[in-house]
Amino acid sequence: MPVKNSILIIDDERAVREEIKNILRKANIADEYYEASDGAEGFKILFSKKVDLVLCDLLMPRIDGLRFLVHLRGKSEYSDIPVIMLTGVGDVKYKLQSFNRGASDYITKPFDAGELKARVRTHLEIKNLHDELREKNRQLEELATTDGLTKIYNRRYFLEILDLEFQRAKRYGSKLAFIMIDVDDFKSFNDNYGHLLGDRILADVARILRENIRMPDQIGRYGGEEFSLMMPETDIAGAQSMAERLRRNIEEFSVYERGEELKLTISIGLAAYPRNGVETVDDLIKLADDALLEAKREGKNRIKVAA
């Protein structure tokens, strides 16, 4: 699918804006064109529209081209937008000032239509390549940190951030709660209804957990049908309250398969830091894991706090 590009033309002369727009439109270089008479008006458009390239006059009233560049490059969300400066001033010092302030290119008026088209096309291609590379990097990062089925953190990444949070709690004497969650009788769902239903159940459980935790909390898929939850600045009482909320929400949820209503439950084990005998993040995990096993042994669909 072809990339849709948009160009913002900033010039205090309407005739110049029209000339640029007509040249570029005839060459089918962009899909959208926006116009502004100075830098202030140009920023108003940037705030409300997606812009891929800016053609900006150097000398304008209110906010001129150089001031526009300084403000633009100072905002991270606009720092990668290419800016081609347009001016009738041929002095080298103005070109240097433009480049020093972040201009991508420079065209002197009166400009040649062929040169204008070539430079605009080149910078749009570079911008599109950068955008594509950034998106691929984002996807790679997501693959490295996210469980593909449940769309929450995978075990490796979750343990990394849990360890960082544990070290922070240990250093500053703050609280940290850790919860282990297991879907009860998950194997029977797989055996009786197939692995596709099992996958649906895991995805649904992850969604319910994610929707009910607080902003600072982090959740991950620990492995198989097990999930883990990290709660910074939270003591045992706070963790128990959250665990009961999650247990109840899962208990009230139903999965439908082959005309049957299937009920789900979870067992939960929790532990919190600081606590005697907990010196490492592995100590904290083991306490919660042991509590989870105790909850399973006592009949499932319940919460156990580390003894």
Protein backbone atom coordinates (compact mmCIF):
# COMPACT_ATOMS: atom_id res chain seq x y z
CA MET A 1 0.00 0.00 0.00
CA PRO A 2 1.54 3.36 -1.05
CA VAL A 3 2.57 5.74 1.72
CA LYS A 4 0.43 8.89 2.03
CA ASN A 5 2.53 12.03 2.46
CA SER A 6 1.60 15.52 3.57
CA ILE A 7 3.50 18.78 3.11
CA LEU A 8 3.26 22.05 5.01
CA ILE A 9 4.18 25.20 3.04
CA ILE A 10 5.03 28.24 5.18
CA ASP A 11 5.49 31.51 3.30
CA ASP A 12 4.09 35.00 3.81
CA GLU A 13 3.43 35.36 0.07
CA ARG A 14 0.31 33.57 -1.09
CA ALA A 15 1.49 33.51 -4.70
CA VAL A 16 4.64 31.61 -3.68
CA ARG A 17 2.60 29.07 -1.71
CA GLU A 18 0.32 28.51 -4.70
CA GLU A 19 3.27 28.13 -7.08
CA ILE A 20 4.91 25.50 -4.87
CA LYS A 21 1.66 23.65 -4.38
CA ASN A 22 0.91 23.57 -8.13
CA ILE A 23 4.40 22.30 -9.00
CA LEU A 24 4.26 19.50 -6.45
CA ARG A 25 0.66 18.55 -7.20
CA LYS A 26 1.38 18.13 -10.91
CA ALA A 27 4.18 15.74 -9.99
CA ASN A 28 1.90 13.77 -7.59
CA ILE A 29 4.52 14.08 -4.86
CA ALA A 30 2.15 14.34 -1.86
CA ASP A 31 -1.47 13.64 -0.97
CA GLU A 32 -2.15 16.58 1.34
CA TYR A 33 -0.95 20.19 1.32
CA TYR A 34 -1.30 22.67 4.17
CA GLU A 35 -0.50 26.39 4.02
CA ALA A 36 0.62 28.93 6.61
CA SER A 37 1.65 32.59 6.29
CA ASP A 38 4.24 32.44 9.12
CA GLY A 39 5.81 30.17 11.72
CA ALA A 40 3.09 30.74 14.32
CA GLU A 41 0.39 29.64 11.90
CA GLY A 42 2.59 26.76 10.82
CA PHE A 43 2.77 25.45 14.40
CA LYS A 44 -1.01 25.55 14.71
CA ILE A 45 -1.20 23.21 11.70
CA LEU A 46 1.51 20.93 13.10
CA PHE A 47 -0.42 20.57 16.35
CA SER A 48 -3.53 19.33 14.54
CA LYS A 49 -2.29 17.61 11.35
CA LYS A 50 0.18 14.90 10.41
CA VAL A 51 2.98 16.58 8.46
CA ASP A 52 5.81 14.70 6.72
CA LEU A 53 7.80 17.64 5.30
CA VAL A 54 7.91 21.40 5.74
CA LEU A 55 8.86 23.99 3.13
CA CYS A 56 9.57 27.17 5.08
CA ASP A 57 10.43 30.73 4.02
CA LEU A 58 13.35 32.31 5.87
CA LEU A 59 12.14 35.90 6.26
CA MET A 60 8.56 36.27 7.57
CA PRO A 61 6.70 38.44 10.09
CA ARG A 62 6.10 37.28 13.70
CA ILE A 63 7.92 33.90 13.78
CA ASP A 64 10.42 33.74 10.92
CA GLY A 65 12.05 30.64 9.47
CA LEU A 66 15.01 30.51 11.86
CA ARG A 67 12.85 30.89 14.97
CA PHE A 68 10.46 28.30 13.56
CA LEU A 69 13.35 25.84 13.18
CA VAL A 70 14.57 26.41 16.75
CA HIS A 71 11.09 25.78 18.20
CA LEU A 72 10.49 22.77 15.94
CA ARG A 73 13.75 20.99 16.77
CA GLY A 74 13.15 21.66 20.45
CA LYS A 75 10.08 19.41 20.40
CA SER A 76 10.89 15.71 20.20
CA GLU A 77 7.65 14.79 18.43
CA TYR A 78 8.61 16.99 15.47
CA SER A 79 12.37 16.54 15.50
CA ASP A 80 12.43 14.09 12.59
CA ILE A 81 10.30 16.18 10.17
CA PRO A 82 12.55 17.38 7.31
CA VAL A 83 12.50 21.16 6.75
CA ILE A 84 13.58 22.71 3.45
CA MET A 85 14.25 26.43 3.77
CA LEU A 86 13.16 28.79 0.97
CA THR A 87 14.54 32.30 0.60
CA GLY A 88 15.48 35.01 -1.84
CA VAL A 89 18.54 35.80 0.30
CA GLY A 90 21.59 34.12 -1.17
CA ASP A 91 24.04 35.00 1.59
CA VAL A 92 26.04 31.97 2.79
CA LYS A 93 25.65 32.99 6.45
CA TYR A 94 21.87 32.48 6.25
CA LYS A 95 22.39 29.00 4.84
CA LEU A 96 24.78 28.15 7.66
CA GLN A 97 22.39 29.54 10.26
CA SER A 98 19.59 27.43 8.80
CA PHE A 99 21.63 24.24 8.86
CA ASN A 100 22.92 24.97 12.37
CA ARG A 101 19.32 25.26 13.56
CA GLY A 102 18.27 21.97 12.03
CA ALA A 103 17.28 22.63 8.41
CA SER A 104 17.45 19.56 6.17
CA ASP A 105 18.01 21.48 2.93
CA TYR A 106 17.98 24.96 1.39
CA ILE A 107 16.59 26.32 -1.89
CA THR A 108 17.14 29.87 -3.12
CA LYS A 109 14.30 31.79 -4.79
CA PRO A 110 13.43 32.02 -7.57
CA PHE A 111 13.65 28.24 -7.48
CA ASP A 112 13.79 25.84 -10.38
CA ALA A 113 10.71 23.58 -10.55
CA GLY A 114 12.80 20.50 -11.29
CA GLU A 115 15.14 21.14 -8.37
CA LEU A 116 12.21 21.74 -6.03
CA LYS A 117 10.55 18.47 -7.01
CA ALA A 118 13.78 16.48 -6.75
CA ARG A 119 14.70 17.81 -3.32
CA VAL A 120 11.20 17.37 -1.89
CA ARG A 121 10.93 13.86 -3.28
CA THR A 122 14.35 12.89 -1.86
CA HIS A 123 13.59 14.14 1.64
CA LEU A 124 10.18 12.48 1.68
CA GLU A 125 11.77 9.18 0.68
CA ILE A 126 14.35 9.52 3.48
CA LYS A 127 11.60 10.40 5.98
CA ASN A 128 9.51 7.39 4.91
CA LEU A 129 12.52 5.08 5.24
CA HIS A 130 13.19 6.43 8.75
CA ASP A 131 9.54 5.92 9.71
CA GLU A 132 9.61 2.37 8.37
CA LEU A 133 12.81 1.58 10.27
CA ARG A 134 11.40 3.04 13.49
CA GLU A 135 8.25 0.93 13.14
CA LYS A 136 10.28 -2.23 12.52
CA ASN A 137 12.40 -1.48 15.60
CA ARG A 138 9.23 -0.99 17.62
CA GLN A 139 7.91 -4.35 16.41
CA LEU A 140 11.20 -6.06 17.25
CA GLU A 141 11.16 -4.56 20.74
CA GLU A 142 7.58 -5.74 21.21
CA LEU A 143 8.51 -9.25 20.09
CA ALA A 144 11.40 -9.26 22.55
CA THR A 145 9.30 -8.18 25.53
CA THR A 146 5.73 -9.35 24.86
CA ASP A 147 4.09 -12.77 24.94
CA GLY A 148 2.54 -13.28 21.51
CA LEU A 149 -0.63 -15.00 22.72
CA THR A 150 -1.62 -12.90 25.73
CA LYS A 151 -0.08 -9.54 24.67
CA ILE A 152 1.40 -9.00 28.12
CA TYR A 153 5.08 -9.13 29.15
CA ASN A 154 6.84 -12.42 28.55
CA ARG A 155 8.62 -14.19 31.40
CA ARG A 156 12.14 -13.01 30.54
CA TYR A 157 11.25 -9.33 30.36
CA PHE A 158 8.90 -9.46 33.36
CA LEU A 159 11.65 -10.97 35.53
CA GLU A 160 14.02 -8.22 34.38
CA ILE A 161 11.72 -5.43 35.50
CA LEU A 162 10.78 -7.33 38.68
CA ASP A 163 14.46 -7.56 39.59
CA LEU A 164 14.93 -3.83 38.95
CA GLU A 165 11.92 -3.01 41.12
CA PHE A 166 13.15 -5.34 43.86
CA GLN A 167 16.57 -3.67 43.87
CA ARG A 168 14.89 -0.27 44.10
CA ALA A 169 12.71 -1.42 47.01
CA LYS A 170 15.73 -2.89 48.77
CA ARG A 171 17.80 0.27 48.30
CA TYR A 172 15.16 2.73 49.45
CA GLY A 173 13.31 0.54 51.95
CA SER A 174 10.06 0.72 49.99
CA LYS A 175 7.36 -1.93 49.70
CA LEU A 176 6.88 -4.44 46.90
CA ALA A 177 4.21 -7.12 46.57
CA PHE A 178 4.48 -10.09 44.22
CA ILE A 179 1.60 -12.34 43.17
CA MET A 180 1.61 -15.69 41.37
CA ILE A 181 -1.61 -16.71 39.59
CA ASP A 182 -2.52 -20.10 38.13
CA VAL A 183 -5.59 -20.98 36.04
CA ASP A 184 -7.29 -23.88 37.83
CA ASP A 185 -7.78 -27.18 35.95
CA PHE A 186 -6.36 -25.69 32.76
CA LYS A 187 -5.18 -29.08 31.48
CA SER A 188 -8.74 -30.41 31.53
CA PHE A 189 -9.89 -27.56 29.27
CA ASN A 190 -7.16 -28.45 26.78
CA ASP A 191 -7.85 -32.18 26.99
CA ASN A 192 -11.64 -31.91 26.68
CA TYR A 193 -12.03 -28.98 24.28
CA GLY A 194 -8.71 -28.61 22.49
CA HIS A 195 -5.77 -26.24 22.58
CA LEU A 196 -7.56 -23.47 20.67
CA LEU A 197 -9.95 -23.07 23.58
CA GLY A 198 -6.99 -23.18 25.94
CA ASP A 199 -5.39 -20.32 24.03
CA ARG A 200 -8.64 -18.34 24.20
CA ILE A 201 -8.82 -18.87 27.95
CA LEU A 202 -5.25 -17.65 28.48
CA ALA A 203 -5.87 -14.58 26.33
CA ASP A 204 -9.12 -13.81 28.18
CA VAL A 205 -7.54 -14.26 31.60
CA ALA A 206 -4.63 -12.00 30.64
CA ARG A 207 -7.07 -9.34 29.39
CA ILE A 208 -9.12 -9.43 32.60
CA LEU A 209 -6.00 -9.21 34.75
CA ARG A 210 -4.60 -6.35 32.67
CA GLU A 211 -7.86 -4.39 32.82
CA ASN A 212 -8.09 -4.62 36.61
CA ILE A 213 -4.61 -3.78 37.81
CA ARG A 214 -3.43 -0.30 38.78
CA MET A 215 -1.31 1.98 36.60
CA PRO A 216 2.06 1.24 38.33
CA ASP A 217 1.48 -2.53 38.50
CA GLN A 218 3.05 -4.83 35.90
CA ILE A 219 1.79 -8.20 34.76
CA GLY A 220 3.49 -10.97 32.84
CA ARG A 221 2.96 -14.50 31.62
CA TYR A 222 5.19 -16.57 33.86
CA GLY A 223 4.77 -19.75 31.85
CA GLY A 224 2.01 -22.09 30.65
CA GLU A 225 -1.14 -21.12 32.53
CA GLU A 226 0.74 -19.13 35.17
CA PHE A 227 0.76 -15.34 35.42
CA SER A 228 2.73 -13.03 37.69
CA LEU A 229 1.92 -9.60 39.03
CA MET A 230 4.30 -7.02 40.50
CA MET A 231 2.85 -4.26 42.70
CA PRO A 232 5.27 -1.48 43.72
CA GLU A 233 4.67 0.44 46.96
CA THR A 234 2.17 -2.23 48.10
CA ASP A 235 2.03 -4.21 51.35
CA ILE A 236 0.39 -7.56 52.07
CA ALA A 237 -3.00 -6.01 52.81
CA GLY A 238 -3.02 -4.10 49.53
CA ALA A 239 -1.91 -7.18 47.62
CA GLN A 240 -4.64 -9.29 49.21
CA SER A 241 -7.26 -6.72 48.24
CA MET A 242 -6.05 -6.73 44.63
CA ALA A 243 -5.78 -10.55 44.57
CA GLU A 244 -9.39 -10.92 45.75
CA ARG A 245 -10.56 -8.48 43.11
CA LEU A 246 -8.81 -10.47 40.38
CA ARG A 247 -10.04 -13.81 41.73
CA ARG A 248 -13.62 -12.55 41.81
CA ASN A 249 -13.49 -11.07 38.30
CA ILE A 250 -12.22 -14.34 36.84
CA GLU A 251 -14.82 -16.34 38.78
CA GLU A 252 -17.60 -14.16 37.34
CA PHE A 253 -16.34 -14.64 33.76
CA SER A 254 -17.60 -17.42 31.47
CA VAL A 255 -16.22 -19.00 28.31
CA TYR A 256 -18.66 -20.51 25.82
CA GLU A 257 -17.72 -23.56 23.77
CA ARG A 258 -19.95 -25.99 21.85
CA GLY A 259 -22.99 -24.43 23.46
CA GLU A 260 -21.61 -24.95 26.97
CA GLU A 261 -20.92 -22.27 29.54
CA LEU A 262 -17.54 -22.95 31.08
CA LYS A 263 -16.56 -21.27 34.34
CA LEU A 264 -13.00 -20.33 35.20
CA THR A 265 -11.25 -19.93 38.53
CA ILE A 266 -7.72 -19.02 39.56
CA SER A 267 -5.53 -19.80 42.53
CA ILE A 268 -3.25 -17.10 43.90
CA GLY A 269 -0.13 -17.03 46.05
CA LEU A 270 1.35 -13.78 47.27
CA ALA A 271 4.31 -12.44 49.18
CA ALA A 272 5.67 -8.99 49.94
CA TYR A 273 8.93 -7.22 50.68
CA PRO A 274 10.40 -6.22 53.11
CA ARG A 275 10.33 -9.47 55.01
CA ASN A 276 12.79 -11.45 57.12
CA GLY A 277 14.70 -13.95 55.02
CA VAL A 278 13.98 -12.21 51.70
CA GLU A 279 17.32 -10.99 50.38
CA THR A 280 16.91 -11.60 46.66
CA VAL A 281 14.14 -11.45 44.10
CA ASP A 282 14.32 -15.25 43.89
CA ASP A 283 13.47 -15.46 47.60
CA LEU A 284 10.35 -13.37 46.96
CA ILE A 285 9.31 -15.48 43.98
CA LYS A 286 9.75 -18.73 45.91
CA LEU A 287 7.57 -17.48 48.76
CA ALA A 288 4.74 -16.56 46.38
CA ASP A 289 5.15 -19.80 44.43
CA ASP A 290 4.99 -21.89 47.63
CA ALA A 291 1.86 -20.00 48.67
CA LEU A 292 0.32 -20.72 45.27
CA LEU A 293 1.00 -24.45 45.65
CA GLU A 294 -0.66 -24.33 49.07
CA ALA A 295 -3.73 -22.64 47.56
CA LYS A 296 -3.96 -25.45 44.97
CA ARG A 297 -3.62 -28.11 47.65
CA GLU A 298 -6.37 -26.56 49.77
CA GLY A 299 -8.94 -26.75 46.97
CA LYS A 300 -8.14 -24.00 44.40
CA ASN A 301 -10.04 -20.78 43.67
CA ARG A 302 -8.46 -19.14 46.68
CA ILE A 303 -5.69 -16.85 47.88
CA LYS A 304 -2.83 -17.85 50.12
CA VAL A 305 -0.34 -15.48 51.71
CA ALA A 306 3.22 -16.76 52.13
CA ALA A 307 3.57 -18.38 55.55
